[in-house]
Amino acid sequence: MDNQLDLIIARKDIAFLTKIMEGYDNLGVVSTVNAEEGLVTVHFTPGTEPMVRDIISNLPFAVKKIFPW
């Protein structure tokens, strides 16, 4: 596993996602790949993947998961 998830979210939600991950003691690190398209990558350590996926699945905005999910 790559220990990252690629997502597409609204550009306006990128900072919010970053703050959410930081709020969980930097559980995941968000990198913006293409801000115009809302393409971000969430990097995480191997043991934290289930929690990261749970957080992303429950965000209060639309998230498009890019394969593999």
PDB file of N, CA and C in Angstrom:
ATOM      1  N   MET A   1       0.831  -1.184   0.000  1.00  0.00           N
ATOM      2  CA  MET A   1       0.000   0.000   0.000  1.00  0.00           C
ATOM      3  C   MET A   1       0.871   1.240   0.000  1.00  0.00           C
ATOM      4  N   ASP A   2       0.396   2.289  -0.650  1.00  0.00           N
ATOM      5  CA  ASP A   2       1.181   3.504  -0.822  1.00  0.00           C
ATOM      6  C   ASP A   2       1.147   4.447   0.372  1.00  0.00           C
ATOM      7  N   ASN A   3       0.266   4.215   1.305  1.00  0.00           N
ATOM      8  CA  ASN A   3       0.098   5.087   2.458  1.00  0.00           C
ATOM      9  C   ASN A   3      -0.307   6.498   2.059  1.00  0.00           C
ATOM     10  N   GLN A   4      -1.149   6.557   1.025  1.00  0.00           N
ATOM     11  CA  GLN A   4      -1.705   7.839   0.626  1.00  0.00           C
ATOM     12  C   GLN A   4      -3.040   7.615  -0.054  1.00  0.00           C
ATOM     13  N   LEU A   5      -3.882   8.636   0.011  1.00  0.00           N
ATOM     14  CA  LEU A   5      -5.167   8.622  -0.675  1.00  0.00           C
ATOM     15  C   LEU A   5      -5.249   9.874  -1.535  1.00  0.00           C
ATOM     16  N   ASP A   6      -5.630   9.706  -2.780  1.00  0.00           N
ATOM     17  CA  ASP A   6      -5.815  10.827  -3.684  1.00  0.00           C
ATOM     18  C   ASP A   6      -7.292  11.152  -3.743  1.00  0.00           C
ATOM     19  N   LEU A   7      -7.611  12.435  -3.576  1.00  0.00           N
ATOM     20  CA  LEU A   7      -8.996  12.880  -3.493  1.00  0.00           C
ATOM     21  C   LEU A   7      -9.212  14.101  -4.368  1.00  0.00           C
ATOM     22  N   ILE A   8     -10.454  14.291  -4.782  1.00  0.00           N
ATOM     23  CA  ILE A   8     -10.857  15.536  -5.418  1.00  0.00           C
ATOM     24  C   ILE A   8     -11.939  16.137  -4.538  1.00  0.00           C
ATOM     25  N   ILE A   9     -11.704  17.364  -4.118  1.00  0.00           N
ATOM     26  CA  ILE A   9     -12.659  18.098  -3.293  1.00  0.00           C
ATOM     27  C   ILE A   9     -12.786  19.511  -3.870  1.00  0.00           C
ATOM     28  N   ALA A  10     -13.766  20.234  -3.397  1.00  0.00           N
ATOM     29  CA  ALA A  10     -13.902  21.620  -3.829  1.00  0.00           C
ATOM     30  C   ALA A  10     -12.682  22.407  -3.362  1.00  0.00           C
ATOM     31  N   ARG A  11     -12.236  23.295  -4.221  1.00  0.00           N
ATOM     32  CA  ARG A  11     -11.062  24.103  -3.899  1.00  0.00           C
ATOM     33  C   ARG A  11     -11.217  24.800  -2.543  1.00  0.00           C
ATOM     34  N   LYS A  12     -12.419  25.283  -2.269  1.00  0.00           N
ATOM     35  CA  LYS A  12     -12.668  26.005  -1.011  1.00  0.00           C
ATOM     36  C   LYS A  12     -12.535  25.109   0.219  1.00  0.00           C
ATOM     37  N   ASP A  13     -12.551  23.788   0.057  1.00  0.00           N
ATOM     38  CA  ASP A  13     -12.485  22.857   1.186  1.00  0.00           C
ATOM     39  C   ASP A  13     -11.077  22.334   1.478  1.00  0.00           C
ATOM     40  N   ILE A  14     -10.105  22.707   0.664  1.00  0.00           N
ATOM     41  CA  ILE A  14      -8.739  22.189   0.852  1.00  0.00           C
ATOM     42  C   ILE A  14      -8.179  22.603   2.214  1.00  0.00           C
ATOM     43  N   ALA A  15      -8.305  23.870   2.563  1.00  0.00           N
ATOM     44  CA  ALA A  15      -7.777  24.335   3.855  1.00  0.00           C
ATOM     45  C   ALA A  15      -8.498  23.649   5.021  1.00  0.00           C
ATOM     46  N   PHE A  16      -9.804  23.447   4.878  1.00  0.00           N
ATOM     47  CA  PHE A  16     -10.568  22.784   5.934  1.00  0.00           C
ATOM     48  C   PHE A  16     -10.079  21.348   6.139  1.00  0.00           C
ATOM     49  N   LEU A  17      -9.875  20.618   5.044  1.00  0.00           N
ATOM     50  CA  LEU A  17      -9.356  19.250   5.151  1.00  0.00           C
ATOM     51  C   LEU A  17      -7.992  19.244   5.833  1.00  0.00           C
ATOM     52  N   THR A  18      -7.154  20.188   5.470  1.00  0.00           N
ATOM     53  CA  THR A  18      -5.823  20.287   6.090  1.00  0.00           C
ATOM     54  C   THR A  18      -5.948  20.502   7.592  1.00  0.00           C
ATOM     55  N   LYS A  19      -6.835  21.388   8.001  1.00  0.00           N
ATOM     56  CA  LYS A  19      -7.025  21.664   9.429  1.00  0.00           C
ATOM     57  C   LYS A  19      -7.597  20.453  10.173  1.00  0.00           C
ATOM     58  N   ILE A  20      -8.484  19.727   9.531  1.00  0.00           N
ATOM     59  CA  ILE A  20      -9.032  18.513  10.153  1.00  0.00           C
ATOM     60  C   ILE A  20      -7.906  17.512  10.423  1.00  0.00           C
ATOM     61  N   MET A  21      -7.067  17.275   9.444  1.00  0.00           N
ATOM     62  CA  MET A  21      -5.964  16.310   9.618  1.00  0.00           C
ATOM     63  C   MET A  21      -4.980  16.798  10.676  1.00  0.00           C
ATOM     64  N   GLU A  22      -4.706  18.095  10.693  1.00  0.00           N
ATOM     65  CA  GLU A  22      -3.826  18.655  11.725  1.00  0.00           C
ATOM     66  C   GLU A  22      -4.457  18.525  13.102  1.00  0.00           C
ATOM     67  N   GLY A  23      -5.774  18.687  13.168  1.00  0.00           N
ATOM     68  CA  GLY A  23      -6.483  18.601  14.440  1.00  0.00           C
ATOM     69  C   GLY A  23      -6.434  17.222  15.070  1.00  0.00           C
ATOM     70  N   TYR A  24      -6.205  16.214  14.261  1.00  0.00           N
ATOM     71  CA  TYR A  24      -6.046  14.845  14.756  1.00  0.00           C
ATOM     72  C   TYR A  24      -4.563  14.543  14.943  1.00  0.00           C
ATOM     73  N   ASP A  25      -3.841  15.475  15.535  1.00  0.00           N
ATOM     74  CA  ASP A  25      -2.403  15.328  15.792  1.00  0.00           C
ATOM     75  C   ASP A  25      -1.633  14.932  14.544  1.00  0.00           C
ATOM     76  N   ASN A  26      -1.951  15.623  13.438  1.00  0.00           N
ATOM     77  CA  ASN A  26      -1.286  15.367  12.157  1.00  0.00           C
ATOM     78  C   ASN A  26      -1.406  13.910  11.733  1.00  0.00           C
ATOM     79  N   LEU A  27      -2.573  13.360  11.933  1.00  0.00           N
ATOM     80  CA  LEU A  27      -2.858  11.986  11.525  1.00  0.00           C
ATOM     81  C   LEU A  27      -2.557  11.788  10.051  1.00  0.00           C
ATOM     82  N   GLY A  28      -2.879  12.793   9.259  1.00  0.00           N
ATOM     83  CA  GLY A  28      -2.573  12.770   7.836  1.00  0.00           C
ATOM     84  C   GLY A  28      -2.014  14.110   7.427  1.00  0.00           C
ATOM     85  N   VAL A  29      -1.164  14.095   6.415  1.00  0.00           N
ATOM     86  CA  VAL A  29      -0.589  15.320   5.875  1.00  0.00           C
ATOM     87  C   VAL A  29      -1.188  15.530   4.496  1.00  0.00           C
ATOM     88  N   VAL A  30      -1.799  16.682   4.307  1.00  0.00           N
ATOM     89  CA  VAL A  30      -2.473  16.984   3.046  1.00  0.00           C
ATOM     90  C   VAL A  30      -1.525  17.756   2.136  1.00  0.00           C
ATOM     91  N   SER A  31      -1.356  17.251   0.918  1.00  0.00           N
ATOM     92  CA  SER A  31      -0.582  17.943  -0.108  1.00  0.00           C
ATOM     93  C   SER A  31      -1.520  18.308  -1.243  1.00  0.00           C
ATOM     94  N   THR A  32      -1.462  19.545  -1.672  1.00  0.00           N
ATOM     95  CA  THR A  32      -2.276  19.978  -2.805  1.00  0.00           C
ATOM     96  C   THR A  32      -1.518  19.673  -4.084  1.00  0.00           C
ATOM     97  N   VAL A  33      -2.112  18.849  -4.928  1.00  0.00           N
ATOM     98  CA  VAL A  33      -1.501  18.471  -6.199  1.00  0.00           C
ATOM     99  C   VAL A  33      -1.887  19.481  -7.270  1.00  0.00           C
ATOM    100  N   ASN A  34      -3.172  19.838  -7.328  1.00  0.00           N
ATOM    101  CA  ASN A  34      -3.672  20.807  -8.298  1.00  0.00           C
ATOM    102  C   ASN A  34      -4.843  21.550  -7.651  1.00  0.00           C
ATOM    103  N   ALA A  35      -4.578  22.760  -7.198  1.00  0.00           N
ATOM    104  CA  ALA A  35      -5.599  23.526  -6.479  1.00  0.00           C
ATOM    105  C   ALA A  35      -6.794  23.861  -7.359  1.00  0.00           C
ATOM    106  N   GLU A  36      -6.557  24.164  -8.614  1.00  0.00           N
ATOM    107  CA  GLU A  36      -7.658  24.513  -9.517  1.00  0.00           C
ATOM    108  C   GLU A  36      -8.659  23.370  -9.647  1.00  0.00           C
ATOM    109  N   GLU A  37      -8.163  22.142  -9.689  1.00  0.00           N
ATOM    110  CA  GLU A  37      -9.022  20.960  -9.836  1.00  0.00           C
ATOM    111  C   GLU A  37      -9.442  20.378  -8.494  1.00  0.00           C
ATOM    112  N   GLY A  38      -8.892  20.879  -7.390  1.00  0.00           N
ATOM    113  CA  GLY A  38      -9.212  20.349  -6.064  1.00  0.00           C
ATOM    114  C   GLY A  38      -8.576  18.997  -5.798  1.00  0.00           C
ATOM    115  N   LEU A  39      -7.496  18.695  -6.514  1.00  0.00           N
ATOM    116  CA  LEU A  39      -6.817  17.403  -6.363  1.00  0.00           C
ATOM    117  C   LEU A  39      -5.818  17.484  -5.212  1.00  0.00           C
ATOM    118  N   VAL A  40      -6.039  16.642  -4.201  1.00  0.00           N
ATOM    119  CA  VAL A  40      -5.154  16.590  -3.039  1.00  0.00           C
ATOM    120  C   VAL A  40      -4.755  15.147  -2.758  1.00  0.00           C
ATOM    121  N   THR A  41      -3.647  15.018  -2.049  1.00  0.00           N
ATOM    122  CA  THR A  41      -3.189  13.715  -1.583  1.00  0.00           C
ATOM    123  C   THR A  41      -3.072  13.787  -0.069  1.00  0.00           C
ATOM    124  N   VAL A  42      -3.623  12.781   0.605  1.00  0.00           N
ATOM    125  CA  VAL A  42      -3.485  12.674   2.054  1.00  0.00           C
ATOM    126  C   VAL A  42      -2.487  11.555   2.325  1.00  0.00           C
ATOM    127  N   HIS A  43      -1.364  11.906   2.930  1.00  0.00           N
ATOM    128  CA  HIS A  43      -0.324  10.937   3.287  1.00  0.00           C
ATOM    129  C   HIS A  43      -0.512  10.544   4.748  1.00  0.00           C
ATOM    130  N   PHE A  44      -0.300   9.268   5.061  1.00  0.00           N
ATOM    131  CA  PHE A  44      -0.492   8.797   6.432  1.00  0.00           C
ATOM    132  C   PHE A  44       0.447   7.639   6.697  1.00  0.00           C
ATOM    133  N   THR A  45       0.627   7.310   7.965  1.00  0.00           N
ATOM    134  CA  THR A  45       1.470   6.180   8.333  1.00  0.00           C
ATOM    135  C   THR A  45       0.666   4.889   8.219  1.00  0.00           C
ATOM    136  N   PRO A  46       1.332   3.753   8.017  1.00  0.00           N
ATOM    137  CA  PRO A  46       0.619   2.497   7.748  1.00  0.00           C
ATOM    138  C   PRO A  46      -0.471   2.133   8.745  1.00  0.00           C
ATOM    139  N   GLY A  47      -0.274   2.305  10.009  1.00  0.00           N
ATOM    140  CA  GLY A  47      -1.253   1.878  10.996  1.00  0.00           C
ATOM    141  C   GLY A  47      -2.460   2.784  11.137  1.00  0.00           C
ATOM    142  N   THR A  48      -2.447   3.929  10.495  1.00  0.00           N
ATOM    143  CA  THR A  48      -3.520   4.898  10.675  1.00  0.00           C
ATOM    144  C   THR A  48      -4.532   4.921   9.529  1.00  0.00           C
ATOM    145  N   GLU A  49      -4.358   4.100   8.531  1.00  0.00           N
ATOM    146  CA  GLU A  49      -5.231   4.142   7.359  1.00  0.00           C
ATOM    147  C   GLU A  49      -6.719   3.993   7.691  1.00  0.00           C
ATOM    148  N   PRO A  50      -7.121   3.045   8.534  1.00  0.00           N
ATOM    149  CA  PRO A  50      -8.557   2.930   8.825  1.00  0.00           C
ATOM    150  C   PRO A  50      -9.146   4.209   9.422  1.00  0.00           C
ATOM    151  N   MET A  51      -8.432   4.851  10.303  1.00  0.00           N
ATOM    152  CA  MET A  51      -8.936   6.076  10.919  1.00  0.00           C
ATOM    153  C   MET A  51      -8.996   7.212   9.889  1.00  0.00           C
ATOM    154  N   VAL A  52      -7.979   7.319   9.045  1.00  0.00           N
ATOM    155  CA  VAL A  52      -7.972   8.357   8.004  1.00  0.00           C
ATOM    156  C   VAL A  52      -9.152   8.160   7.056  1.00  0.00           C
ATOM    157  N   ARG A  53      -9.380   6.932   6.646  1.00  0.00           N
ATOM    158  CA  ARG A  53     -10.514   6.646   5.749  1.00  0.00           C
ATOM    159  C   ARG A  53     -11.850   6.981   6.416  1.00  0.00           C
ATOM    160  N   ASP A  54     -11.960   6.691   7.705  1.00  0.00           N
ATOM    161  CA  ASP A  54     -13.191   6.985   8.431  1.00  0.00           C
ATOM    162  C   ASP A  54     -13.434   8.493   8.492  1.00  0.00           C
ATOM    163  N   ILE A  55     -12.405   9.251   8.788  1.00  0.00           N
ATOM    164  CA  ILE A  55     -12.532  10.707   8.847  1.00  0.00           C
ATOM    165  C   ILE A  55     -12.944  11.257   7.484  1.00  0.00           C
ATOM    166  N   ILE A  56     -12.278  10.821   6.431  1.00  0.00           N
ATOM    167  CA  ILE A  56     -12.580  11.315   5.089  1.00  0.00           C
ATOM    168  C   ILE A  56     -14.001  10.947   4.679  1.00  0.00           C
ATOM    169  N   SER A  57     -14.440   9.770   5.053  1.00  0.00           N
ATOM    170  CA  SER A  57     -15.791   9.330   4.699  1.00  0.00           C
ATOM    171  C   SER A  57     -16.883  10.124   5.410  1.00  0.00           C
ATOM    172  N   ASN A  58     -16.529  10.808   6.482  1.00  0.00           N
ATOM    173  CA  ASN A  58     -17.519  11.549   7.270  1.00  0.00           C
ATOM    174  C   ASN A  58     -17.345  13.061   7.216  1.00  0.00           C
ATOM    175  N   LEU A  59     -16.617  13.550   6.235  1.00  0.00           N
ATOM    176  CA  LEU A  59     -16.437  14.991   6.105  1.00  0.00           C
ATOM    177  C   LEU A  59     -17.748  15.647   5.688  1.00  0.00           C
ATOM    178  N   PRO A  60     -17.957  16.900   6.084  1.00  0.00           N
ATOM    179  CA  PRO A  60     -19.224  17.580   5.762  1.00  0.00           C
ATOM    180  C   PRO A  60     -19.247  18.220   4.371  1.00  0.00           C
ATOM    181  N   PHE A  61     -18.470  17.676   3.448  1.00  0.00           N
ATOM    182  CA  PHE A  61     -18.470  18.158   2.071  1.00  0.00           C
ATOM    183  C   PHE A  61     -18.179  16.983   1.142  1.00  0.00           C
ATOM    184  N   ALA A  62     -18.456  17.190  -0.127  1.00  0.00           N
ATOM    185  CA  ALA A  62     -18.300  16.113  -1.112  1.00  0.00           C
ATOM    186  C   ALA A  62     -16.822  15.769  -1.333  1.00  0.00           C
ATOM    187  N   VAL A  63     -16.558  14.481  -1.372  1.00  0.00           N
ATOM    188  CA  VAL A  63     -15.212  13.981  -1.624  1.00  0.00           C
ATOM    189  C   VAL A  63     -15.295  12.916  -2.711  1.00  0.00           C
ATOM    190  N   LYS A  64     -14.524  13.099  -3.749  1.00  0.00           N
ATOM    191  CA  LYS A  64     -14.434  12.076  -4.788  1.00  0.00           C
ATOM    192  C   LYS A  64     -13.121  11.337  -4.546  1.00  0.00           C
ATOM    193  N   LYS A  65     -13.249  10.047  -4.334  1.00  0.00           N
ATOM    194  CA  LYS A  65     -12.081   9.226  -4.088  1.00  0.00           C
ATOM    195  C   LYS A  65     -11.547   8.716  -5.426  1.00  0.00           C
ATOM    196  N   ILE A  66     -10.260   8.791  -5.589  1.00  0.00           N
ATOM    197  CA  ILE A  66      -9.634   8.324  -6.815  1.00  0.00           C
ATOM    198  C   ILE A  66      -9.105   6.921  -6.573  1.00  0.00           C
ATOM    199  N   PHE A  67      -9.320   6.035  -7.531  1.00  0.00           N
ATOM    200  CA  PHE A  67      -8.873   4.653  -7.414  1.00  0.00           C
ATOM    201  C   PHE A  67      -7.378   4.617  -7.171  1.00  0.00           C
ATOM    202  N   PRO A  68      -6.833   3.745  -6.306  1.00  0.00           N
ATOM    203  CA  PRO A  68      -7.608   2.785  -5.514  1.00  0.00           C
ATOM    204  C   PRO A  68      -8.143   3.409  -4.229  1.00  0.00           C
ATOM    205  N   TRP A  69      -9.325   3.038  -3.857  1.00  0.00           N
ATOM    206  CA  TRP A  69      -9.908   3.473  -2.600  1.00  0.00           C
ATOM    207  C   TRP A  69     -10.249   2.272  -1.826  1.00  0.00           C
TER     208      TRP A  69
END
